[in-house]
Every structure is written in structure tokens, then in C-alpha cells.
Amino acid sequence: MSKKFSKELYDESNMVAMRTAVTILETICDGKFYRLDVPLHMQEESYKSHDFVISRLHDTGTTNVYVEVEKKRVWGTSGKWEGFSTIDVPYRKSESKANLFVMVNNNNDTAAIARMSDVISSPIESKRTIYTDDEKFFKVGLDKFKFYYNVAPRGNHLYMFNYVDSWIEIKPNGDIF
């Protein structure tokens, strides 16, 4: 049984998590790989398919990359993963048509990014959560993710993402590469 959809949680978390994902993607590799061509608020809702589309830049042009974003409210630490050996991605994401999966922590300052194909090819396990008694999850190994941390000064996370080079790649334990 999957967690029941909560419009309140969605409204509270989704746009902020998507902005976080866009900021990371646009700033990694000095902004040479991804560009948001259509602002998030102008992109059509694509429930179960993807959360937003970003352009992947190539020497010969661009390719659309579909991105699925999940805010992990119980991921409360900044600058590192919680310490579990896997990242559990809700099985309901198996219907996603996305190319990338981005999980954002509750503070919107740390994130993990993986190929969606790695997520849906991972082992499946059921577990009890605060919302359900028996929900299925993909148990995705940490080696399938790249982790990023926003080293910009603390403040209002909704407005601090204008720092161009504030995201750095980190190891799951928070060590800097």
C-alpha cells in the first residue's frame, strides 16, 4: 500500500524541491551541462510521468531530460546522508518516465541524484513507515547516487539559490571530494 496523496504536503514541498533540483543541475560542472528553458511555474503538471523538464547541453544542441523529484522530510541532516546503506525510493515512482531522480533533504540544502533506470532496477522491499504499514520501496545503493551540498551561508533557503557556485559534490558521509 502506498502513502495516500496529500495535497498539503505536495504544495508545501514540491516547488521548493524542484527549485533545489534545478539549481543543482544548472550549477554542476560550471553550468555546462543543464539549462532550464521553460520556468518551473510554466511547465505543465505531468503526474506519474515526471516533475519537470530541463535541457541537457551538447556540442550539437540540446536534449530534454525528464526529472523526478522527491523531498525526504525525515532526512534532517545537512551536508551528508542519514547514514543508511541505501536510499529508499517509493515504489510508486516505478511509473515515472523520468531520466533522473533527485531526492532533496528537508532543509533543501543537500540532495542525492541518480539515473531513474538505476532506481527502478534496484531491489524492492516492503516496510512500515509513519504513513503506511506495508509500503514498497526500491532499495537503491548509495553508489548509484551523487550527493550535493549547498555551502552558501545559512538563511532563507527559498531565496539563497542565486549563488552560482554554492553546490559542491560530497560523499554520502559529508566528506568533500
N, C-alpha and C. Protein backbone atom coordinates (compact mmCIF):
# COMPACT_ATOMS: atom_id res chain seq x y z
N MET A 1 0.84 -1.18 0.00
CA MET A 1 0.00 0.00 0.00
C MET A 1 0.89 1.25 0.00
N SER A 2 0.65 2.17 -0.90
CA SER A 2 1.42 3.41 -0.98
C SER A 2 0.84 4.46 -0.05
N LYS A 3 1.68 5.43 0.26
CA LYS A 3 1.23 6.56 1.06
C LYS A 3 0.13 7.28 0.30
N LYS A 4 -0.91 7.65 1.01
CA LYS A 4 -2.02 8.39 0.41
C LYS A 4 -1.53 9.78 0.01
N PHE A 5 -1.93 10.23 -1.17
CA PHE A 5 -1.51 11.54 -1.66
C PHE A 5 -2.03 12.63 -0.73
N SER A 6 -1.15 13.55 -0.36
CA SER A 6 -1.52 14.68 0.49
C SER A 6 -1.24 15.96 -0.28
N LYS A 7 -2.29 16.65 -0.68
CA LYS A 7 -2.14 17.91 -1.40
C LYS A 7 -1.40 18.93 -0.54
N GLU A 8 -1.64 18.91 0.75
CA GLU A 8 -0.98 19.85 1.65
C GLU A 8 0.54 19.65 1.65
N LEU A 9 1.00 18.39 1.78
CA LEU A 9 2.43 18.11 1.74
C LEU A 9 3.02 18.44 0.37
N TYR A 10 2.27 18.11 -0.67
CA TYR A 10 2.71 18.40 -2.04
C TYR A 10 2.92 19.91 -2.23
N ASP A 11 1.91 20.69 -1.85
CA ASP A 11 2.00 22.14 -2.02
C ASP A 11 3.13 22.74 -1.20
N GLU A 12 3.38 22.16 -0.04
CA GLU A 12 4.41 22.66 0.86
C GLU A 12 5.81 22.32 0.37
N SER A 13 5.97 21.20 -0.32
CA SER A 13 7.31 20.69 -0.62
C SER A 13 7.71 20.69 -2.08
N ASN A 14 6.79 20.47 -2.99
CA ASN A 14 7.15 20.16 -4.37
C ASN A 14 7.90 21.27 -5.10
N MET A 15 7.39 22.49 -5.10
CA MET A 15 8.04 23.56 -5.86
C MET A 15 9.42 23.88 -5.29
N VAL A 16 9.54 23.89 -3.97
CA VAL A 16 10.84 24.17 -3.36
C VAL A 16 11.84 23.07 -3.72
N ALA A 17 11.42 21.82 -3.67
CA ALA A 17 12.31 20.71 -4.02
C ALA A 17 12.69 20.77 -5.49
N MET A 18 11.75 21.13 -6.36
CA MET A 18 12.08 21.25 -7.79
C MET A 18 13.08 22.39 -8.02
N ARG A 19 12.89 23.52 -7.34
CA ARG A 19 13.84 24.64 -7.48
C ARG A 19 15.23 24.22 -7.02
N THR A 20 15.28 23.45 -5.94
CA THR A 20 16.57 22.95 -5.46
C THR A 20 17.23 22.08 -6.52
N ALA A 21 16.46 21.16 -7.10
CA ALA A 21 16.99 20.27 -8.13
C ALA A 21 17.50 21.06 -9.34
N VAL A 22 16.72 22.03 -9.79
CA VAL A 22 17.13 22.85 -10.94
C VAL A 22 18.43 23.57 -10.63
N THR A 23 18.53 24.16 -9.45
CA THR A 23 19.72 24.91 -9.08
C THR A 23 20.95 24.02 -9.09
N ILE A 24 20.82 22.82 -8.55
CA ILE A 24 21.96 21.89 -8.56
C ILE A 24 22.35 21.55 -9.99
N LEU A 25 21.37 21.13 -10.79
CA LEU A 25 21.67 20.72 -12.15
C LEU A 25 22.27 21.85 -12.98
N GLU A 26 21.78 23.07 -12.79
CA GLU A 26 22.31 24.19 -13.57
C GLU A 26 23.70 24.62 -13.11
N THR A 27 24.09 24.30 -11.89
CA THR A 27 25.39 24.77 -11.41
C THR A 27 26.49 23.73 -11.44
N ILE A 28 26.14 22.43 -11.51
CA ILE A 28 27.22 21.43 -11.55
C ILE A 28 27.99 21.58 -12.86
N CYS A 29 29.26 21.32 -12.79
CA CYS A 29 30.16 21.46 -13.94
C CYS A 29 30.11 22.86 -14.51
N ASP A 30 30.04 23.85 -13.63
CA ASP A 30 30.04 25.26 -14.02
C ASP A 30 28.93 25.62 -15.00
N GLY A 31 27.81 24.94 -14.90
CA GLY A 31 26.66 25.27 -15.73
C GLY A 31 26.79 24.84 -17.17
N LYS A 32 27.67 23.91 -17.46
CA LYS A 32 27.91 23.50 -18.85
C LYS A 32 27.04 22.33 -19.30
N PHE A 33 26.26 21.73 -18.40
CA PHE A 33 25.51 20.54 -18.76
C PHE A 33 24.00 20.73 -18.86
N TYR A 34 23.41 21.52 -17.97
CA TYR A 34 21.95 21.64 -17.93
C TYR A 34 21.51 23.09 -17.93
N ARG A 35 20.32 23.31 -18.54
CA ARG A 35 19.74 24.65 -18.58
C ARG A 35 18.22 24.52 -18.55
N LEU A 36 17.58 25.29 -17.70
CA LEU A 36 16.12 25.31 -17.64
C LEU A 36 15.62 26.31 -18.67
N ASP A 37 14.97 25.81 -19.71
CA ASP A 37 14.48 26.68 -20.78
C ASP A 37 13.06 27.19 -20.53
N VAL A 38 12.26 26.39 -19.83
CA VAL A 38 10.88 26.79 -19.51
C VAL A 38 10.80 26.88 -17.99
N PRO A 39 10.47 28.06 -17.44
CA PRO A 39 10.39 28.21 -15.99
C PRO A 39 9.47 27.15 -15.37
N LEU A 40 9.81 26.73 -14.15
CA LEU A 40 9.04 25.67 -13.49
C LEU A 40 7.55 25.98 -13.42
N HIS A 41 7.22 27.22 -13.08
CA HIS A 41 5.80 27.56 -12.92
C HIS A 41 5.04 27.53 -14.25
N MET A 42 5.75 27.47 -15.36
CA MET A 42 5.10 27.42 -16.67
C MET A 42 5.08 26.01 -17.26
N GLN A 43 5.71 25.06 -16.56
CA GLN A 43 5.71 23.68 -17.05
C GLN A 43 4.44 22.98 -16.59
N GLU A 44 3.88 22.22 -17.51
CA GLU A 44 2.63 21.51 -17.23
C GLU A 44 2.86 20.37 -16.25
N GLU A 45 1.94 20.21 -15.31
CA GLU A 45 1.99 19.10 -14.36
C GLU A 45 1.91 17.79 -15.12
N SER A 46 2.82 16.89 -14.83
CA SER A 46 2.86 15.60 -15.52
C SER A 46 2.86 14.48 -14.48
N TYR A 47 1.76 14.38 -13.75
CA TYR A 47 1.63 13.42 -12.65
C TYR A 47 1.98 12.01 -13.11
N LYS A 48 2.80 11.34 -12.34
CA LYS A 48 3.31 9.98 -12.56
C LYS A 48 4.33 9.88 -13.69
N SER A 49 4.51 10.90 -14.48
CA SER A 49 5.49 10.85 -15.55
C SER A 49 6.82 11.48 -15.12
N HIS A 50 6.77 12.74 -14.71
CA HIS A 50 7.96 13.48 -14.29
C HIS A 50 7.52 14.77 -13.63
N ASP A 51 8.45 15.43 -12.94
CA ASP A 51 8.12 16.70 -12.28
C ASP A 51 8.45 17.91 -13.14
N PHE A 52 9.57 17.85 -13.87
CA PHE A 52 9.91 18.96 -14.75
C PHE A 52 10.86 18.48 -15.83
N VAL A 53 11.05 19.35 -16.83
CA VAL A 53 11.96 19.07 -17.95
C VAL A 53 13.06 20.12 -17.94
N ILE A 54 14.29 19.66 -18.12
CA ILE A 54 15.44 20.55 -18.20
C ILE A 54 16.22 20.14 -19.46
N SER A 55 16.93 21.08 -20.06
CA SER A 55 17.71 20.77 -21.27
C SER A 55 19.11 20.31 -20.91
N ARG A 56 19.54 19.24 -21.56
CA ARG A 56 20.92 18.74 -21.44
C ARG A 56 21.67 19.33 -22.61
N LEU A 57 22.75 20.04 -22.33
CA LEU A 57 23.51 20.73 -23.37
C LEU A 57 24.55 19.81 -23.98
N HIS A 58 24.62 19.81 -25.30
CA HIS A 58 25.60 19.02 -26.06
C HIS A 58 26.30 19.93 -27.06
N ASP A 59 27.37 19.46 -27.62
CA ASP A 59 28.07 20.23 -28.66
C ASP A 59 27.16 20.46 -29.86
N THR A 60 26.26 19.51 -30.10
CA THR A 60 25.41 19.58 -31.29
C THR A 60 24.00 20.11 -31.00
N GLY A 61 23.71 20.51 -29.76
CA GLY A 61 22.38 21.02 -29.43
C GLY A 61 21.96 20.65 -28.02
N THR A 62 20.67 20.40 -27.87
CA THR A 62 20.15 20.06 -26.55
C THR A 62 19.24 18.84 -26.62
N THR A 63 19.07 18.19 -25.48
CA THR A 63 18.16 17.06 -25.33
C THR A 63 17.31 17.31 -24.10
N ASN A 64 16.03 17.00 -24.17
CA ASN A 64 15.18 17.12 -23.00
C ASN A 64 15.50 16.01 -22.01
N VAL A 65 15.65 16.38 -20.75
CA VAL A 65 15.86 15.44 -19.66
C VAL A 65 14.67 15.60 -18.71
N TYR A 66 14.01 14.48 -18.44
CA TYR A 66 12.84 14.48 -17.56
C TYR A 66 13.31 14.14 -16.15
N VAL A 67 12.86 14.94 -15.17
CA VAL A 67 13.36 14.83 -13.80
C VAL A 67 12.21 14.56 -12.83
N GLU A 68 12.43 13.59 -11.97
CA GLU A 68 11.50 13.25 -10.88
C GLU A 68 12.16 13.70 -9.58
N VAL A 69 11.41 14.42 -8.75
CA VAL A 69 11.94 14.96 -7.50
C VAL A 69 11.11 14.46 -6.33
N GLU A 70 11.80 14.12 -5.26
CA GLU A 70 11.13 13.69 -4.02
C GLU A 70 11.80 14.41 -2.87
N LYS A 71 11.00 15.04 -2.03
CA LYS A 71 11.55 15.66 -0.82
C LYS A 71 11.43 14.64 0.30
N LYS A 72 12.54 14.36 0.95
CA LYS A 72 12.58 13.39 2.04
C LYS A 72 12.55 14.17 3.36
N ARG A 73 11.37 14.32 3.90
CA ARG A 73 11.18 15.14 5.09
C ARG A 73 11.93 14.58 6.31
N VAL A 74 12.11 13.25 6.36
CA VAL A 74 12.83 12.67 7.50
C VAL A 74 14.35 12.77 7.36
N TRP A 75 14.84 13.23 6.21
CA TRP A 75 16.27 13.46 6.02
C TRP A 75 16.57 14.85 6.57
N GLY A 76 16.90 14.90 7.84
CA GLY A 76 17.03 16.17 8.52
C GLY A 76 18.44 16.74 8.59
N THR A 77 19.45 15.93 8.30
CA THR A 77 20.82 16.44 8.40
C THR A 77 21.21 17.21 7.14
N SER A 78 22.08 18.16 7.34
CA SER A 78 22.61 18.95 6.23
C SER A 78 24.04 18.51 5.94
N GLY A 79 24.37 18.43 4.65
CA GLY A 79 25.74 18.16 4.25
C GLY A 79 26.15 16.71 4.26
N LYS A 80 25.21 15.79 4.51
CA LYS A 80 25.53 14.36 4.43
C LYS A 80 24.25 13.55 4.42
N TRP A 81 24.39 12.31 4.02
CA TRP A 81 23.27 11.37 4.02
C TRP A 81 23.04 10.91 5.45
N GLU A 82 21.85 10.40 5.71
CA GLU A 82 21.46 9.98 7.06
C GLU A 82 22.27 8.81 7.61
N GLY A 83 22.99 8.09 6.79
CA GLY A 83 23.82 7.00 7.29
C GLY A 83 23.31 5.61 6.95
N PHE A 84 22.13 5.50 6.36
CA PHE A 84 21.61 4.20 5.95
C PHE A 84 22.40 3.71 4.74
N SER A 85 22.41 2.41 4.53
CA SER A 85 23.20 1.83 3.43
C SER A 85 22.51 1.96 2.07
N THR A 86 21.24 2.31 2.06
CA THR A 86 20.50 2.52 0.81
C THR A 86 19.66 3.78 0.93
N ILE A 87 19.21 4.25 -0.21
CA ILE A 87 18.18 5.29 -0.24
C ILE A 87 16.91 4.60 -0.70
N ASP A 88 15.88 4.69 0.10
CA ASP A 88 14.62 4.03 -0.21
C ASP A 88 13.73 4.97 -1.00
N VAL A 89 13.45 4.59 -2.23
CA VAL A 89 12.63 5.40 -3.13
C VAL A 89 11.27 4.73 -3.24
N PRO A 90 10.19 5.48 -3.03
CA PRO A 90 8.86 4.88 -3.10
C PRO A 90 8.62 4.14 -4.42
N TYR A 91 8.05 2.96 -4.31
CA TYR A 91 7.78 2.12 -5.48
C TYR A 91 6.84 2.81 -6.47
N ARG A 92 6.02 3.72 -5.99
CA ARG A 92 5.11 4.44 -6.89
C ARG A 92 5.88 5.19 -7.99
N LYS A 93 7.16 5.42 -7.78
CA LYS A 93 8.00 6.07 -8.79
C LYS A 93 8.29 5.14 -9.96
N SER A 94 7.91 3.87 -9.86
CA SER A 94 8.17 2.91 -10.94
C SER A 94 7.44 3.30 -12.22
N GLU A 95 6.39 4.10 -12.11
CA GLU A 95 5.63 4.55 -13.28
C GLU A 95 6.22 5.80 -13.92
N SER A 96 7.23 6.36 -13.30
CA SER A 96 7.83 7.60 -13.79
C SER A 96 8.50 7.38 -15.14
N LYS A 97 8.42 8.37 -15.98
CA LYS A 97 9.10 8.36 -17.29
C LYS A 97 10.37 9.21 -17.24
N ALA A 98 10.78 9.59 -16.03
CA ALA A 98 11.93 10.48 -15.86
C ALA A 98 13.24 9.78 -16.21
N ASN A 99 14.23 10.60 -16.54
CA ASN A 99 15.60 10.14 -16.76
C ASN A 99 16.43 10.22 -15.48
N LEU A 100 16.14 11.25 -14.67
CA LEU A 100 16.88 11.48 -13.43
C LEU A 100 15.93 11.47 -12.24
N PHE A 101 16.45 11.01 -11.11
CA PHE A 101 15.72 11.07 -9.85
C PHE A 101 16.54 11.91 -8.88
N VAL A 102 15.90 12.90 -8.26
CA VAL A 102 16.57 13.77 -7.30
C VAL A 102 15.83 13.69 -5.97
N MET A 103 16.55 13.33 -4.91
CA MET A 103 15.97 13.35 -3.58
C MET A 103 16.60 14.51 -2.82
N VAL A 104 15.75 15.36 -2.25
CA VAL A 104 16.18 16.56 -1.55
C VAL A 104 15.89 16.40 -0.06
N ASN A 105 16.82 16.85 0.78
CA ASN A 105 16.58 16.73 2.22
C ASN A 105 15.58 17.78 2.70
N ASN A 106 15.17 17.68 3.95
CA ASN A 106 14.15 18.57 4.50
C ASN A 106 14.58 20.04 4.52
N ASN A 107 15.90 20.29 4.62
CA ASN A 107 16.41 21.66 4.66
C ASN A 107 16.66 22.26 3.28
N ASN A 108 16.46 21.47 2.24
CA ASN A 108 16.68 21.91 0.86
C ASN A 108 18.12 22.33 0.59
N ASP A 109 19.07 21.78 1.35
CA ASP A 109 20.45 22.16 1.13
C ASP A 109 21.37 20.97 0.83
N THR A 110 20.79 19.77 0.78
CA THR A 110 21.55 18.58 0.45
C THR A 110 20.67 17.71 -0.44
N ALA A 111 21.26 17.09 -1.45
CA ALA A 111 20.47 16.29 -2.37
C ALA A 111 21.29 15.12 -2.90
N ALA A 112 20.56 14.12 -3.37
CA ALA A 112 21.16 12.95 -3.99
C ALA A 112 20.53 12.78 -5.37
N ILE A 113 21.35 12.53 -6.39
CA ILE A 113 20.86 12.42 -7.76
C ILE A 113 21.30 11.08 -8.35
N ALA A 114 20.35 10.39 -8.98
CA ALA A 114 20.64 9.10 -9.62
C ALA A 114 19.90 9.02 -10.95
N ARG A 115 20.34 8.12 -11.80
CA ARG A 115 19.58 7.81 -13.02
C ARG A 115 18.33 7.06 -12.59
N MET A 116 17.20 7.39 -13.17
CA MET A 116 15.96 6.70 -12.84
C MET A 116 16.05 5.22 -13.20
N SER A 117 16.79 4.89 -14.25
CA SER A 117 16.95 3.49 -14.62
C SER A 117 17.65 2.70 -13.51
N ASP A 118 18.58 3.33 -12.78
CA ASP A 118 19.21 2.66 -11.64
C ASP A 118 18.24 2.49 -10.48
N VAL A 119 17.35 3.45 -10.31
CA VAL A 119 16.35 3.36 -9.24
C VAL A 119 15.42 2.18 -9.50
N ILE A 120 14.81 2.14 -10.69
CA ILE A 120 13.79 1.11 -10.93
C ILE A 120 14.35 -0.28 -11.17
N SER A 121 15.67 -0.39 -11.31
CA SER A 121 16.27 -1.72 -11.43
C SER A 121 16.81 -2.22 -10.08
N SER A 122 16.57 -1.47 -9.03
CA SER A 122 17.04 -1.83 -7.69
C SER A 122 16.09 -2.82 -7.02
N PRO A 123 16.58 -3.56 -6.02
CA PRO A 123 15.72 -4.49 -5.28
C PRO A 123 14.54 -3.77 -4.63
N ILE A 124 13.44 -4.49 -4.48
CA ILE A 124 12.22 -3.94 -3.89
C ILE A 124 12.00 -4.60 -2.53
N GLU A 125 11.62 -3.76 -1.56
CA GLU A 125 11.35 -4.26 -0.21
C GLU A 125 10.16 -3.49 0.36
N SER A 126 9.36 -4.17 1.16
CA SER A 126 8.25 -3.52 1.84
C SER A 126 8.65 -3.19 3.27
N LYS A 127 8.15 -2.05 3.76
CA LYS A 127 8.43 -1.68 5.14
C LYS A 127 7.31 -0.80 5.69
N ARG A 128 7.33 -0.67 6.99
CA ARG A 128 6.38 0.19 7.68
C ARG A 128 6.95 1.60 7.72
N THR A 129 6.09 2.60 7.49
CA THR A 129 6.50 4.00 7.56
C THR A 129 5.56 4.72 8.51
N ILE A 130 5.80 6.02 8.69
CA ILE A 130 4.89 6.79 9.53
C ILE A 130 3.52 6.97 8.86
N TYR A 131 3.45 6.70 7.56
CA TYR A 131 2.21 6.87 6.82
C TYR A 131 1.51 5.55 6.50
N THR A 132 2.27 4.45 6.41
CA THR A 132 1.72 3.17 5.96
C THR A 132 2.24 2.02 6.82
N ASP A 133 1.55 0.89 6.73
CA ASP A 133 2.00 -0.30 7.44
C ASP A 133 2.86 -1.21 6.56
N ASP A 134 2.66 -1.15 5.24
CA ASP A 134 3.36 -2.07 4.34
C ASP A 134 3.50 -1.42 2.97
N GLU A 135 4.50 -0.54 2.84
CA GLU A 135 4.70 0.17 1.58
C GLU A 135 5.96 -0.34 0.89
N LYS A 136 5.90 -0.47 -0.43
CA LYS A 136 7.04 -0.96 -1.21
C LYS A 136 7.99 0.20 -1.53
N PHE A 137 9.29 -0.12 -1.50
CA PHE A 137 10.34 0.83 -1.83
C PHE A 137 11.41 0.16 -2.66
N PHE A 138 12.04 0.93 -3.54
CA PHE A 138 13.26 0.50 -4.20
C PHE A 138 14.38 0.77 -3.20
N LYS A 139 15.23 -0.22 -2.97
CA LYS A 139 16.38 -0.09 -2.07
C LYS A 139 17.60 0.21 -2.96
N VAL A 140 17.89 1.49 -3.16
CA VAL A 140 18.91 1.91 -4.11
C VAL A 140 20.24 2.12 -3.38
N GLY A 141 21.28 1.45 -3.86
CA GLY A 141 22.60 1.58 -3.25
C GLY A 141 23.14 2.99 -3.37
N LEU A 142 23.87 3.42 -2.36
CA LEU A 142 24.43 4.77 -2.36
C LEU A 142 25.38 5.00 -3.52
N ASP A 143 25.99 3.93 -4.04
CA ASP A 143 26.91 4.06 -5.16
C ASP A 143 26.21 4.49 -6.45
N LYS A 144 24.90 4.43 -6.48
CA LYS A 144 24.14 4.85 -7.66
C LYS A 144 23.85 6.35 -7.65
N PHE A 145 24.15 7.01 -6.54
CA PHE A 145 23.84 8.44 -6.37
C PHE A 145 25.09 9.29 -6.34
N LYS A 146 24.92 10.54 -6.76
CA LYS A 146 25.89 11.60 -6.49
C LYS A 146 25.22 12.52 -5.49
N PHE A 147 25.95 12.93 -4.49
CA PHE A 147 25.42 13.78 -3.43
C PHE A 147 25.97 15.20 -3.57
N TYR A 148 25.11 16.18 -3.29
CA TYR A 148 25.49 17.58 -3.41
C TYR A 148 25.04 18.33 -2.16
N TYR A 149 25.86 19.33 -1.80
CA TYR A 149 25.58 20.15 -0.62
C TYR A 149 25.74 21.61 -0.97
N ASN A 150 24.81 22.44 -0.49
CA ASN A 150 24.87 23.87 -0.73
C ASN A 150 25.69 24.52 0.39
N VAL A 151 26.86 24.99 0.06
CA VAL A 151 27.75 25.57 1.05
C VAL A 151 27.52 27.06 1.25
N ALA A 152 26.47 27.60 0.64
CA ALA A 152 26.15 29.02 0.81
C ALA A 152 25.78 29.27 2.27
N PRO A 153 25.91 30.49 2.72
CA PRO A 153 25.56 30.81 4.10
C PRO A 153 24.11 30.44 4.41
N ARG A 154 23.87 30.06 5.65
CA ARG A 154 22.50 29.72 6.08
C ARG A 154 21.62 30.95 5.95
N GLY A 155 20.36 30.72 5.73
CA GLY A 155 19.40 31.80 5.59
C GLY A 155 18.11 31.25 5.06
N ASN A 156 17.34 32.06 4.42
CA ASN A 156 16.09 31.63 3.85
C ASN A 156 16.39 30.85 2.58
N HIS A 157 16.19 29.54 2.64
CA HIS A 157 16.57 28.67 1.52
C HIS A 157 15.76 28.94 0.25
N LEU A 158 14.64 29.63 0.37
CA LEU A 158 13.86 29.94 -0.83
C LEU A 158 14.56 31.00 -1.67
N TYR A 159 15.39 31.82 -1.05
CA TYR A 159 15.97 32.94 -1.76
C TYR A 159 17.49 32.86 -1.91
N MET A 160 18.13 31.85 -1.33
CA MET A 160 19.58 31.82 -1.36
C MET A 160 20.16 31.14 -2.59
N PHE A 161 19.32 30.61 -3.47
CA PHE A 161 19.83 29.83 -4.58
C PHE A 161 20.37 30.66 -5.73
N ASN A 162 20.52 31.94 -5.56
CA ASN A 162 21.11 32.75 -6.61
C ASN A 162 22.64 32.71 -6.55
N TYR A 163 23.22 32.01 -5.59
CA TYR A 163 24.66 31.83 -5.55
C TYR A 163 25.03 30.83 -6.64
N VAL A 164 25.79 31.27 -7.60
CA VAL A 164 26.05 30.47 -8.78
C VAL A 164 26.85 29.21 -8.48
N ASP A 165 27.83 29.29 -7.61
CA ASP A 165 28.71 28.15 -7.41
C ASP A 165 28.65 27.62 -5.99
N SER A 166 27.46 27.60 -5.39
CA SER A 166 27.35 27.22 -3.99
C SER A 166 27.20 25.71 -3.77
N TRP A 167 26.92 24.93 -4.80
CA TRP A 167 26.73 23.48 -4.65
C TRP A 167 28.03 22.75 -4.92
N ILE A 168 28.38 21.85 -4.00
CA ILE A 168 29.58 21.04 -4.19
C ILE A 168 29.19 19.57 -4.09
N GLU A 169 29.94 18.72 -4.81
CA GLU A 169 29.71 17.30 -4.70
C GLU A 169 30.38 16.79 -3.43
N ILE A 170 29.66 15.94 -2.70
CA ILE A 170 30.17 15.38 -1.45
C ILE A 170 30.01 13.87 -1.48
N LYS A 171 30.70 13.19 -0.57
CA LYS A 171 30.48 11.77 -0.35
C LYS A 171 29.27 11.62 0.56
N PRO A 172 28.63 10.46 0.61
CA PRO A 172 27.45 10.29 1.47
C PRO A 172 27.69 10.66 2.93
N ASN A 173 28.92 10.48 3.43
CA ASN A 173 29.21 10.82 4.82
C ASN A 173 29.51 12.29 5.03
N GLY A 174 29.46 13.09 3.96
CA GLY A 174 29.68 14.52 4.06
C GLY A 174 31.08 14.96 3.69
N ASP A 175 32.02 14.02 3.53
CA ASP A 175 33.37 14.40 3.12
C ASP A 175 33.34 15.01 1.72
N ILE A 176 34.21 15.97 1.51
CA ILE A 176 34.31 16.64 0.22
C ILE A 176 35.26 15.85 -0.66
N PHE A 177 34.92 15.70 -1.94
CA PHE A 177 35.82 15.01 -2.88
C PHE A 177 37.07 15.80 -3.10
